[in-house]
Each structure stands twice: as structure tokens, then as C-alpha cells.
Amino acid sequence: MNTFIAQDEQTIVAQSTPSGTGALAIIRLSGNITIAVADKFISFASKKKLTDLDSHTVHYATICKNDTIIDHVMVTLLRGPKTFTGQDTVEITCHNNPFIIEAIIEQAITHGARLAQEGEFTKRAVLNGKIDIVQAEAINELIHAQNKYMLQQSLAQLDGGFSRWIGDIEKDLLHCIALSEASFEFIDEEMEFDKQIRQLLEQLQLKIIEVQKTFDIQQQIREGIRIALIGTVNAGKSSLFNALLNKNRSIVTNIAGTTRDSIEAGVYRKNFYVTFVDTAGLRKSEDTIEQEGINRALQEAHKADIVLLVADGTQKLSGQETEIYSQLLKQYEPKIISVTTKSDLPSKSLLLLNNSIATSSKNKTNLDVLEQAIDNKIAKLTATLESPFLLNKRQFNLLSVLKKQLETINENIKQHIDYELLSLHLKEALEQLSELSGKTITKDSMDAIFKEFCIGK
């Protein structure tokens, strides 16, 4: 339970489901006067009031304004503390129409609630001790997971896996502090406290290294796998782009340079969210707009996890094209899959792309081979992804500082640091760990975390 901020009891309200069209939406209220607020604008078919109903029950009701029905709804009553936030909570399931949702929220605000801030429901769950800050971050990761790996890791952390790991590190640090302080009583005896502490600290450093080792690749694919189609003008990139998506997303013509800006579309593939990006054709151009498109294409090549280097299989490469492809191969070879297009037409020699996959977007020739090559690249890219936990930047940075502190402490022990000073440094490391777990997190840090959340979460 955090002590730096008083518990906010004011009743808050927000839509908890995504905006947009759909069958149903959920509006959530939470706070100390939630039931009283809801009773003022919800009419139950049973003629009862929420104050008379049992907790964790669902009821049919209508919501009106000035005797005009806004919607027929289902109301779920959840009395604190056995709720997500730890407070009295009412969830209204209504039809998913923005006018209905706005009208219901307006009624709640009129009768004493206020609009929730970003992540405020989850923040209250943390402040009321229902979950810790690491689990709260896991909820946000869970909502935004773009692949099954991230989803599974987020669920594990929501279940407390990472929190328990932090707890184990804390126990080891407390043991180190106990050993250091015990040395005060046995200062004249040959007790190898420093050796025991050093061994413990070295083990802690290895544990931190283990959970940090896949951070870069986790960050790289956090938003999914990005695949850029790169090549010269009229190479068939847009046709291939459409064929891979199995729908017409890019304009296809015989006019060179039709695509002048990057176009992207996403699909789920092999448990990962994959974004294909069709880019402007590469060539030397004096046209300002086309040149901007070419610059963006080169930026996409740099950002992409996989590059499909596309060339027209019916044409010999010109000197300019040879230069362009040579440069791309040299710069991005590890992530390149070479592809030639228009294999349904007579082909010409392509010396630079001898290992390319010859495809036809028109006849679907070798698209399955290309897709398998893409799957192989994804598998290779994610082969080292396995890690005990899914870290965000805040967690990674705090662990990096902690690891550095432990390294410094170990060096100080080698220099025979005074045990009182050693205890002080160990307690500073423990404070760093408490920032990670949220036990002593500052208000500014707390606010920064929940600004990443959506309203209603």
C-alpha cells in the first residue's frame, strides 16, 4: 500500500470498452458513493434500489433522462472491497452507440461522479493494495500485446510472477544487510561475511542479466513484426503487397513511380502481428514529392525487421538499379529476402539477386515459398525471445541501475569497505528495488506510468 498519496474516494466514471461500433459497451463507476450515484439515474425492473441488492449480481434496468429512456441495460453490482479497485463498483452494459454512452456518462456526472483519468481504475487498484505496480503495468501490456508471446508473458506477470521474482531479490538483499550488520557483533572473529555477501551479490547480478538479455528483441517486436517491400520503380512491389495481403490495398498500374508514399497494412501470422509496408520505388529523381517518398522508403528499410528486396524479373538491372540494390544488400543483408516478380513473363538475368524467390502476383506462383521464407525469418528473429519476464523501459532502466549498484558494492567489498558503509549502500540498493516494485514509488513516477493507460482502464 503506497503511503505518499491519500486514497481518492471520489466516484469516477468512464467507458471501459473500446470506442467504435459494436453490439455492447461497458461503462464503469467506482468510488465511495458509487451506489448512491447510480441509484439516482438507474431504474430496475424489480423496482428495487442498488442499496437493496446483493453484491456480485446482475440486473436488468433502464436509464432515463427526464422520463425519456436512454437505453435498456444490464447492471452489475460489485461491493468493495472484493472488486478490482477495492471500492464499490457498478458496471453498466449498454448498446454500443456513442450517443447512448455519452448520455449515460453525462447522467453519472450530473448525479455526483466525475470523468476518470487515464488508468485511474487500475491506479486505485494499486493504491488499495489489490495489485502492485508491476501487475498494473502487466495489464497495460496485456491489452496492447501484438503477439501471443507478449500475451502469455503479460498474463504471467499479472499473475504475480515478476512480483515474486522481485520479492526473492528483496529477500537476498535483506540477507546481505543482515550479514553486514551481524559483522558489527563479530568484528574480532574470523567470520567470512564479506565472502558470503559477495557471492549473494554476484548471484543477484546474474539473475538481473538473465531477465534483461532479451530486452532489445522484446522492444523490437513489441508492436509486431515490420516487413518493408523495397525496390526500384515499377518492380511489382504493390502487386506483391496486395497478393501477400490477399486484398487490393495499393494502387497497381504500369506507370513507374505510382506509389509515392508508404502504405501499410497488418495481418496476424504465426502468433505475431505483421505489418507489411509498400514503399515508393527507388530511383534518382528531381521531383520533390517523389524524392520525399524515396527518403521514406529508405527509412522504412532501416526500421523494418524484414526487408523484401523486390526486383522486376523481366528486366535486366540498369547501372543505377545495380548500384541501388548493391547498396541495400550491403547495408541490410541479414534481414533481406530477395524477390523477383512477374515470373509468368519471360525473365532476364539478375546477377545480384541469384538467390531470389521468383514470384508471380498474377498467378500466385511461389507465394507460398515466399511466405515460408518470411516465417523462417520471423522464427529466426524471435528464436532468442524466450525470457522469464517481459520488461518495459522503466523496469529495464531500474534494473540496470540496481545491477550497477551491486557491481559497485562488490568492488567496494574487495577494497575492504567498512561494514557500516556497506550496510548503507545495500540499503540504497534495496530502495532502488522498492522503486521497481512500487513500494516506494514517487507520485511523479506513478502518474507517468498511468498516463500510458487508456481512460476507462
Protein backbone atom coordinates (compact mmCIF):
# COMPACT_ATOMS: atom_id res chain seq x y z
CA MET A 1 0.00 0.00 0.00
CA ASN A 2 1.52 3.33 -1.04
CA THR A 3 1.60 5.99 1.66
CA PHE A 4 2.66 9.04 -0.39
CA ILE A 5 -0.87 9.77 -1.58
CA ALA A 6 -4.24 9.62 0.16
CA GLN A 7 -6.81 7.22 -1.21
CA ASP A 8 -9.15 9.01 -3.62
CA GLU A 9 -12.70 8.05 -2.74
CA GLN A 10 -14.50 10.26 -5.26
CA THR A 11 -16.69 8.26 -7.64
CA ILE A 12 -15.30 8.12 -11.17
CA VAL A 13 -16.93 7.03 -14.42
CA ALA A 14 -15.68 6.06 -17.89
CA GLN A 15 -16.31 3.74 -20.80
CA SER A 16 -14.19 0.60 -20.29
CA THR A 17 -14.65 -0.93 -23.72
CA PRO A 18 -13.07 0.43 -26.92
CA SER A 19 -14.79 3.20 -28.84
CA GLY A 20 -16.42 2.34 -32.14
CA THR A 21 -19.37 0.38 -33.41
CA GLY A 22 -20.32 -2.94 -31.87
CA ALA A 23 -23.07 -4.78 -30.04
CA LEU A 24 -22.31 -3.79 -26.46
CA ALA A 25 -20.28 -1.35 -24.39
CA ILE A 26 -19.43 -1.28 -20.68
CA ILE A 27 -19.45 1.86 -18.55
CA ARG A 28 -17.76 1.55 -15.17
CA LEU A 29 -18.27 3.57 -11.98
CA SER A 30 -16.07 3.20 -8.90
CA GLY A 31 -15.79 5.12 -5.62
CA ASN A 32 -17.25 5.59 -2.19
CA ILE A 33 -20.64 6.94 -3.34
CA THR A 34 -20.97 4.83 -6.48
CA ILE A 35 -24.13 3.05 -5.37
CA ALA A 36 -25.83 6.29 -4.32
CA VAL A 37 -24.89 7.95 -7.63
CA ALA A 38 -26.09 5.02 -9.75
CA ASP A 39 -29.39 4.76 -7.84
CA LYS A 40 -30.26 8.30 -8.96
CA PHE A 41 -30.44 7.51 -12.68
CA ILE A 42 -30.92 3.71 -12.97
CA SER A 43 -34.42 2.18 -12.70
CA PHE A 44 -34.61 -1.57 -12.09
CA ALA A 45 -37.38 -3.80 -13.40
CA SER A 46 -37.70 -5.22 -9.87
CA LYS A 47 -38.40 -1.67 -8.57
CA LYS A 48 -35.59 -2.20 -6.05
CA LYS A 49 -32.61 0.07 -5.42
CA LEU A 50 -28.95 -0.93 -5.67
CA THR A 51 -28.71 -0.44 -1.91
CA ASP A 52 -31.16 -3.37 -1.52
CA LEU A 53 -29.39 -5.74 -3.91
CA ASP A 54 -26.73 -8.35 -3.21
CA SER A 55 -23.14 -7.88 -4.33
CA HIS A 56 -21.81 -9.59 -7.45
CA THR A 57 -25.22 -9.79 -9.10
CA VAL A 58 -26.53 -8.69 -12.49
CA HIS A 59 -29.86 -6.93 -13.05
CA TYR A 60 -31.98 -5.67 -15.95
CA ALA A 61 -32.71 -1.94 -15.83
CA THR A 62 -33.47 1.19 -17.82
CA ILE A 63 -31.66 4.52 -17.76
CA CYS A 64 -33.74 7.63 -18.31
CA LYS A 65 -33.35 11.37 -18.58
CA ASN A 66 -36.44 13.43 -17.78
CA ASP A 67 -38.65 10.34 -18.23
CA THR A 68 -37.12 9.67 -21.67
CA ILE A 69 -35.43 6.28 -21.96
CA ILE A 70 -31.75 6.46 -22.91
CA ASP A 71 -31.26 2.69 -23.08
CA HIS A 72 -32.20 -0.72 -21.70
CA VAL A 73 -29.16 -2.05 -19.85
CA MET A 74 -27.73 -4.78 -17.65
CA VAL A 75 -26.22 -3.55 -14.37
CA THR A 76 -23.56 -5.47 -12.44
CA LEU A 77 -23.24 -4.56 -8.75
CA LEU A 78 -19.87 -5.21 -7.07
CA ARG A 79 -19.44 -4.09 -3.47
CA GLY A 80 -15.97 -3.30 -2.17
CA PRO A 81 -13.51 -4.47 -1.09
CA LYS A 82 -13.98 -7.58 -3.25
CA THR A 83 -13.68 -5.65 -6.52
CA PHE A 84 -10.90 -4.77 -8.96
CA THR A 85 -10.43 -1.30 -7.45
CA GLY A 86 -11.26 -2.35 -3.89
CA GLN A 87 -14.16 0.13 -3.96
CA ASP A 88 -17.89 -0.15 -4.64
CA THR A 89 -18.22 -0.64 -8.38
CA VAL A 90 -21.13 -0.57 -10.81
CA GLU A 91 -20.73 -1.73 -14.41
CA ILE A 92 -23.41 -0.80 -16.93
CA THR A 93 -23.63 -2.90 -20.09
CA CYS A 94 -25.43 -0.87 -22.75
CA HIS A 95 -25.79 -0.84 -26.53
CA ASN A 96 -22.61 0.38 -28.18
CA ASN A 97 -23.79 3.65 -29.64
CA PRO A 98 -21.70 6.76 -28.87
CA PHE A 99 -24.80 8.87 -28.19
CA ILE A 100 -26.09 6.31 -25.66
CA ILE A 101 -22.69 6.04 -23.98
CA GLU A 102 -22.27 9.81 -23.79
CA ALA A 103 -25.78 10.23 -22.35
CA ILE A 104 -25.23 7.59 -19.63
CA ILE A 105 -21.87 9.08 -18.61
CA GLU A 106 -23.49 12.52 -18.55
CA GLN A 107 -26.16 11.19 -16.16
CA ALA A 108 -23.48 9.75 -13.86
CA ILE A 109 -21.58 13.06 -13.80
CA THR A 110 -24.79 15.04 -13.24
CA HIS A 111 -25.53 12.95 -10.16
CA GLY A 112 -22.11 13.20 -8.50
CA ALA A 113 -19.43 11.27 -10.40
CA ARG A 114 -16.52 12.73 -12.34
CA LEU A 115 -14.85 11.52 -15.53
CA ALA A 116 -11.97 9.14 -14.82
CA GLN A 117 -8.41 9.99 -15.81
CA GLU A 118 -6.07 7.70 -17.78
CA GLY A 119 -5.68 4.37 -15.99
CA GLU A 120 -7.41 5.66 -12.86
CA PHE A 121 -9.34 2.45 -12.15
CA THR A 122 -6.11 0.44 -12.23
CA LYS A 123 -4.32 3.14 -10.22
CA ARG A 124 -6.95 2.79 -7.49
CA ALA A 125 -6.44 -0.98 -7.53
CA VAL A 126 -2.74 -0.33 -6.80
CA LEU A 127 -3.41 2.28 -4.10
CA ASN A 128 -5.90 -0.05 -2.41
CA GLY A 129 -3.46 -2.95 -2.41
CA LYS A 130 -5.40 -5.16 -4.84
CA ILE A 131 -2.42 -5.40 -7.21
CA ASP A 132 1.10 -3.95 -7.24
CA ILE A 133 2.57 -1.54 -9.78
CA VAL A 134 4.26 -4.35 -11.75
CA GLN A 135 0.92 -6.14 -12.15
CA ALA A 136 -0.68 -2.84 -13.19
CA GLU A 137 1.94 -2.46 -15.92
CA ALA A 138 1.22 -6.05 -16.96
CA ILE A 139 -2.44 -5.13 -17.52
CA ASN A 140 -1.41 -2.41 -19.96
CA GLU A 141 0.97 -4.80 -21.73
CA LEU A 142 -1.80 -7.42 -21.88
CA ILE A 143 -4.23 -5.01 -23.52
CA HIS A 144 -1.70 -3.93 -26.16
CA ALA A 145 0.02 -7.30 -26.80
CA GLN A 146 0.64 -7.75 -30.53
CA ASN A 147 1.71 -11.39 -30.39
CA LYS A 148 0.98 -14.50 -28.34
CA TYR A 149 4.37 -14.42 -26.63
CA MET A 150 3.74 -10.93 -25.24
CA LEU A 151 0.21 -12.00 -24.29
CA GLN A 152 1.41 -15.05 -22.34
CA GLN A 153 4.18 -13.10 -20.60
CA SER A 154 1.76 -10.32 -19.64
CA LEU A 155 -0.67 -12.84 -18.16
CA ALA A 156 2.15 -14.46 -16.18
CA GLN A 157 3.19 -11.07 -14.78
CA LEU A 158 -0.41 -10.16 -13.98
CA ASP A 159 -0.49 -13.42 -12.03
CA GLY A 160 2.43 -12.09 -9.97
CA GLY A 161 5.40 -13.94 -11.50
CA PHE A 162 7.65 -10.90 -11.83
CA SER A 163 6.49 -9.53 -8.47
CA ARG A 164 7.55 -12.79 -6.79
CA TRP A 165 10.93 -12.58 -8.54
CA ILE A 166 11.39 -9.05 -7.17
CA GLY A 167 10.37 -10.37 -3.73
CA ASP A 168 13.09 -13.03 -3.93
CA ILE A 169 15.69 -10.40 -4.85
CA GLU A 170 14.50 -8.32 -1.90
CA LYS A 171 14.95 -11.29 0.48
CA ASP A 172 18.51 -11.80 -0.78
CA LEU A 173 19.33 -8.11 -0.29
CA LEU A 174 17.87 -8.19 3.22
CA HIS A 175 20.02 -11.25 3.90
CA CYS A 176 23.09 -9.29 2.73
CA ILE A 177 22.15 -6.40 5.03
CA ALA A 178 21.69 -8.83 7.94
CA LEU A 179 25.12 -10.34 7.29
CA SER A 180 26.70 -6.90 7.08
CA GLU A 181 25.12 -5.74 10.32
CA ALA A 182 25.93 -9.03 12.06
CA SER A 183 29.58 -8.27 11.38
CA PHE A 184 29.36 -5.44 13.94
CA GLU A 185 28.98 -8.05 16.70
CA PHE A 186 31.65 -10.41 15.39
CA ILE A 187 34.19 -7.85 14.24
CA ASP A 188 37.04 -9.54 16.13
CA GLU A 189 36.17 -13.03 14.90
CA GLU A 190 37.10 -14.56 11.57
CA MET A 191 33.62 -14.80 10.12
CA GLU A 192 33.67 -14.61 6.31
CA PHE A 193 30.72 -12.23 6.00
CA ASP A 194 32.24 -10.37 3.06
CA LYS A 195 32.68 -13.59 1.07
CA GLN A 196 29.05 -14.61 1.69
CA ILE A 197 27.79 -11.15 0.72
CA ARG A 198 29.90 -11.08 -2.45
CA GLN A 199 28.58 -14.49 -3.52
CA LEU A 200 24.99 -13.38 -2.97
CA LEU A 201 25.51 -10.14 -4.88
CA GLU A 202 27.15 -11.96 -7.80
CA GLN A 203 24.15 -14.31 -7.96
CA LEU A 204 21.80 -11.33 -7.95
CA GLN A 205 23.71 -9.72 -10.82
CA LEU A 206 23.39 -12.93 -12.85
CA LYS A 207 19.65 -13.05 -12.18
CA ILE A 208 19.26 -9.49 -13.45
CA ILE A 209 21.35 -10.21 -16.56
CA GLU A 210 19.13 -13.23 -17.26
CA VAL A 211 15.89 -11.22 -17.27
CA GLN A 212 17.43 -8.33 -19.23
CA LYS A 213 19.08 -10.33 -22.00
CA THR A 214 16.15 -10.32 -24.45
CA PHE A 215 15.00 -6.75 -23.77
CA ASP A 216 16.20 -5.38 -27.13
CA ILE A 217 14.39 -8.01 -29.20
CA GLN A 218 11.30 -7.64 -27.00
CA GLN A 219 11.27 -3.91 -27.70
CA GLN A 220 11.88 -4.53 -31.39
CA ILE A 221 8.79 -6.72 -31.84
CA ARG A 222 6.61 -5.15 -29.13
CA GLU A 223 4.45 -3.54 -31.80
CA GLY A 224 4.68 -6.55 -34.10
CA ILE A 225 6.95 -7.59 -36.97
CA ARG A 226 7.50 -4.94 -39.65
CA ILE A 227 8.16 -6.10 -43.23
CA ALA A 228 9.08 -3.49 -45.84
CA LEU A 229 8.87 -4.08 -49.59
CA ILE A 230 11.81 -2.19 -51.08
CA GLY A 231 12.90 -1.91 -54.69
CA THR A 232 13.17 0.25 -57.77
CA VAL A 233 10.22 1.81 -59.59
CA ASN A 234 7.71 -0.49 -61.29
CA ALA A 235 9.32 -3.59 -59.77
CA GLY A 236 5.93 -5.05 -58.84
CA LYS A 237 6.06 -4.17 -55.14
CA SER A 238 2.44 -3.02 -54.95
CA SER A 239 1.13 -6.13 -56.73
CA LEU A 240 3.17 -8.33 -54.38
CA PHE A 241 1.98 -6.29 -51.40
CA ASN A 242 -1.65 -6.86 -52.41
CA ALA A 243 -1.02 -10.56 -53.08
CA LEU A 244 0.54 -11.11 -49.65
CA LEU A 245 -2.42 -9.39 -48.01
CA ASN A 246 -4.86 -11.12 -50.38
CA LYS A 247 -6.62 -7.80 -50.96
CA ASN A 248 -6.14 -4.64 -53.03
CA ARG A 249 -4.55 -2.14 -50.68
CA SER A 250 -2.09 -0.44 -53.06
CA ILE A 251 -2.80 1.11 -56.47
CA VAL A 252 -1.33 -1.01 -59.26
CA THR A 253 -0.51 0.48 -62.71
CA ASN A 254 2.19 0.19 -65.36
CA ILE A 255 3.21 3.79 -64.71
CA ALA A 256 6.60 3.93 -62.99
CA GLY A 257 6.54 5.61 -59.59
CA THR A 258 2.81 5.21 -58.87
CA THR A 259 3.43 4.69 -55.13
CA ARG A 260 4.82 7.95 -53.72
CA ASP A 261 4.22 7.35 -50.03
CA SER A 262 4.47 4.33 -47.75
CA ILE A 263 1.28 2.29 -47.44
CA GLU A 264 0.93 -0.26 -44.68
CA ALA A 265 -1.48 -2.98 -43.61
CA GLY A 266 -1.34 -5.58 -40.86
CA VAL A 267 -2.22 -9.25 -40.53
CA TYR A 268 -1.81 -11.89 -37.82
CA ARG A 269 0.71 -14.51 -38.85
CA LYS A 270 2.23 -17.37 -36.83
CA ASN A 271 1.18 -15.86 -33.49
CA PHE A 272 2.64 -12.46 -34.40
CA TYR A 273 1.12 -9.26 -35.71
CA VAL A 274 2.85 -8.50 -39.01
CA THR A 275 2.76 -5.11 -40.74
CA PHE A 276 3.57 -5.10 -44.46
CA VAL A 277 4.76 -1.75 -45.83
CA ASP A 278 4.62 -0.90 -49.54
CA THR A 279 7.11 1.85 -50.35
CA ALA A 280 7.94 4.27 -53.15
CA GLY A 281 10.20 2.97 -55.90
CA LEU A 282 13.87 3.88 -55.58
CA ARG A 283 15.49 5.94 -58.33
CA LYS A 284 17.25 9.26 -58.77
CA SER A 285 14.55 11.89 -59.15
CA GLU A 286 14.30 15.67 -59.30
CA ASP A 287 10.61 15.55 -58.33
CA THR A 288 10.36 16.90 -54.77
CA ILE A 289 7.31 14.80 -53.84
CA GLU A 290 8.75 11.61 -55.31
CA GLN A 291 12.08 12.26 -53.59
CA GLU A 292 10.30 12.53 -50.24
CA GLY A 293 8.65 9.16 -50.93
CA ILE A 294 12.04 7.65 -51.73
CA ASN A 295 13.50 9.03 -48.48
CA ARG A 296 10.62 7.47 -46.57
CA ALA A 297 11.21 4.15 -48.33
CA LEU A 298 14.84 4.16 -47.17
CA GLN A 299 13.68 4.99 -43.64
CA GLU A 300 11.29 2.03 -43.79
CA ALA A 301 14.15 -0.25 -44.85
CA HIS A 302 16.06 0.87 -41.77
CA LYS A 303 13.07 0.42 -39.41
CA ALA A 304 11.91 -2.91 -40.79
CA ASP A 305 12.58 -6.25 -39.11
CA ILE A 306 12.47 -7.94 -42.51
CA VAL A 307 13.10 -6.40 -45.95
CA LEU A 308 11.64 -7.91 -49.11
CA LEU A 309 14.08 -6.67 -51.75
CA VAL A 310 11.91 -6.69 -54.87
CA ALA A 311 13.12 -6.57 -58.49
CA ASP A 312 11.35 -6.93 -61.83
CA GLY A 313 12.27 -10.40 -63.11
CA THR A 314 11.55 -9.45 -66.73
CA GLN A 315 14.16 -6.70 -66.92
CA LYS A 316 17.93 -6.53 -66.65
CA LEU A 317 19.15 -4.23 -63.93
CA SER A 318 20.40 -0.88 -65.18
CA GLY A 319 23.61 0.61 -63.84
CA GLN A 320 21.63 2.84 -61.49
CA GLU A 321 19.49 -0.09 -60.28
CA THR A 322 22.58 -2.26 -59.75
CA GLU A 323 24.04 0.48 -57.57
CA ILE A 324 20.82 0.80 -55.54
CA TYR A 325 20.44 -2.96 -54.95
CA SER A 326 24.14 -3.42 -54.15
CA GLN A 327 23.94 -0.73 -51.51
CA LEU A 328 20.78 -2.21 -49.97
CA LEU A 329 22.26 -5.72 -49.90
CA LYS A 330 25.43 -4.45 -48.27
CA GLN A 331 23.54 -2.48 -45.63
CA TYR A 332 20.66 -4.82 -44.76
CA GLU A 333 21.68 -8.32 -45.94
CA PRO A 334 20.88 -10.17 -42.65
CA LYS A 335 17.23 -9.14 -42.80
CA ILE A 336 16.73 -9.28 -46.59
CA ILE A 337 14.66 -11.77 -48.58
CA SER A 338 15.33 -11.25 -52.30
CA VAL A 339 12.26 -11.50 -54.52
CA THR A 340 11.81 -11.23 -58.28
CA THR A 341 8.36 -10.57 -59.69
CA LYS A 342 6.41 -11.27 -62.89
CA SER A 343 7.67 -14.85 -63.24
CA ASP A 344 4.71 -15.51 -65.54
CA LEU A 345 6.55 -13.42 -68.17
CA PRO A 346 9.91 -14.10 -69.91
CA SER A 347 12.76 -13.49 -67.45
CA LYS A 348 16.12 -11.77 -67.75
CA SER A 349 19.37 -12.39 -65.87
CA LEU A 350 19.60 -10.76 -62.43
CA LEU A 351 23.14 -11.33 -61.27
CA LEU A 352 22.74 -9.57 -57.93
CA LEU A 353 19.61 -11.49 -56.96
CA ASN A 354 20.52 -15.05 -57.95
CA ASN A 355 19.14 -16.45 -54.69
CA SER A 356 15.86 -14.65 -55.09
CA ILE A 357 12.41 -16.22 -54.99
CA ALA A 358 10.76 -15.91 -58.41
CA THR A 359 7.12 -14.96 -57.87
CA SER A 360 4.07 -14.04 -59.87
CA SER A 361 1.46 -11.96 -58.10
CA LYS A 362 -0.88 -12.58 -61.03
CA ASN A 363 -0.68 -16.40 -60.94
CA LYS A 364 0.24 -16.68 -57.22
CA THR A 365 3.39 -18.55 -58.26
CA ASN A 366 5.78 -19.24 -55.36
CA LEU A 367 3.86 -17.01 -52.95
CA ASP A 368 3.77 -20.00 -50.60
CA VAL A 369 7.57 -20.27 -50.89
CA LEU A 370 7.93 -16.57 -50.10
CA GLU A 371 5.56 -16.86 -47.14
CA GLN A 372 7.60 -19.78 -45.78
CA ALA A 373 10.77 -17.70 -46.15
CA ILE A 374 9.05 -14.91 -44.20
CA ASP A 375 8.01 -17.40 -41.50
CA ASN A 376 11.60 -18.67 -41.29
CA LYS A 377 12.88 -15.10 -40.83
CA ILE A 378 10.30 -14.46 -38.11
CA ALA A 379 11.28 -17.71 -36.36
CA LYS A 380 14.96 -16.74 -36.50
CA LEU A 381 14.19 -13.23 -35.30
CA THR A 382 12.22 -14.49 -32.31
CA ALA A 383 14.34 -17.57 -31.51
CA THR A 384 16.10 -15.73 -28.67
CA LEU A 385 12.92 -14.15 -27.39
CA GLU A 386 12.36 -16.58 -24.53
CA SER A 387 12.87 -14.78 -21.24
CA PRO A 388 11.47 -15.26 -17.75
CA PHE A 389 9.74 -11.87 -17.91
CA LEU A 390 8.56 -9.11 -20.20
CA LEU A 391 10.25 -5.84 -19.21
CA ASN A 392 9.20 -2.32 -20.10
CA LYS A 393 11.68 0.57 -20.27
CA ARG A 394 11.02 1.70 -16.69
CA GLN A 395 11.68 -1.77 -15.32
CA PHE A 396 14.74 -2.32 -17.50
CA ASN A 397 16.29 1.02 -16.53
CA LEU A 398 15.69 0.49 -12.80
CA LEU A 399 17.22 -2.99 -13.00
CA SER A 400 20.23 -1.55 -14.85
CA VAL A 401 20.79 0.97 -12.07
CA LEU A 402 20.40 -1.78 -9.46
CA LYS A 403 22.89 -4.03 -11.28
CA LYS A 404 25.41 -1.18 -11.40
CA GLN A 405 24.91 -0.57 -7.67
CA LEU A 406 25.56 -4.24 -6.91
CA GLU A 407 28.72 -4.21 -9.06
CA THR A 408 29.98 -1.13 -7.20
CA ILE A 409 29.21 -2.68 -3.81
CA ASN A 410 31.11 -5.83 -4.76
CA GLU A 411 34.12 -3.76 -5.82
CA ASN A 412 33.93 -1.89 -2.50
CA ILE A 413 33.92 -5.18 -0.59
CA LYS A 414 37.11 -6.18 -2.41
CA GLN A 415 38.61 -2.91 -1.13
CA HIS A 416 37.57 -3.89 2.44
CA ILE A 417 34.89 -1.24 2.85
CA ASP A 418 33.70 -0.52 6.40
CA TYR A 419 30.68 -2.70 7.26
CA GLU A 420 28.59 0.28 8.38
CA LEU A 421 29.13 1.95 4.99
CA LEU A 422 28.46 -1.39 3.28
CA SER A 423 25.10 -1.64 5.05
CA LEU A 424 24.24 1.87 3.89
CA HIS A 425 24.99 1.02 0.24
CA LEU A 426 23.00 -2.21 0.48
CA LYS A 427 20.01 -0.28 1.84
CA GLU A 428 20.29 2.14 -1.09
CA ALA A 429 20.12 -0.85 -3.45
CA LEU A 430 17.06 -2.06 -1.56
CA GLU A 431 15.42 1.35 -2.07
CA GLN A 432 16.10 1.05 -5.80
CA LEU A 433 14.35 -2.32 -5.80
CA SER A 434 11.40 -0.80 -3.91
CA GLU A 435 11.04 1.77 -6.71
CA LEU A 436 10.78 -1.14 -9.16
CA SER A 437 8.11 -2.96 -7.15
CA GLY A 438 6.23 0.25 -6.39
CA LYS A 439 6.61 0.09 -2.62
CA THR A 440 8.30 3.50 -2.51
CA ILE A 441 7.44 4.84 -5.97
CA THR A 442 7.14 8.62 -6.25
CA LYS A 443 3.91 10.34 -7.25
CA ASP A 444 5.51 11.64 -10.47
CA SER A 445 6.62 8.12 -11.43
CA MET A 446 3.18 6.75 -10.61
CA ASP A 447 1.48 9.42 -12.74
CA ALA A 448 3.89 8.76 -15.63
CA ILE A 449 3.03 5.05 -15.59
CA PHE A 450 -0.72 5.56 -15.71
CA LYS A 451 -0.56 8.22 -18.43
CA GLU A 452 0.28 5.29 -20.72
CA PHE A 453 -3.14 3.76 -19.98
CA CYS A 454 -6.43 4.48 -21.71
CA ILE A 455 -9.29 6.21 -19.92
CA GLY A 456 -11.56 3.51 -18.53
CA LYS A 457 -8.74 1.10 -17.62
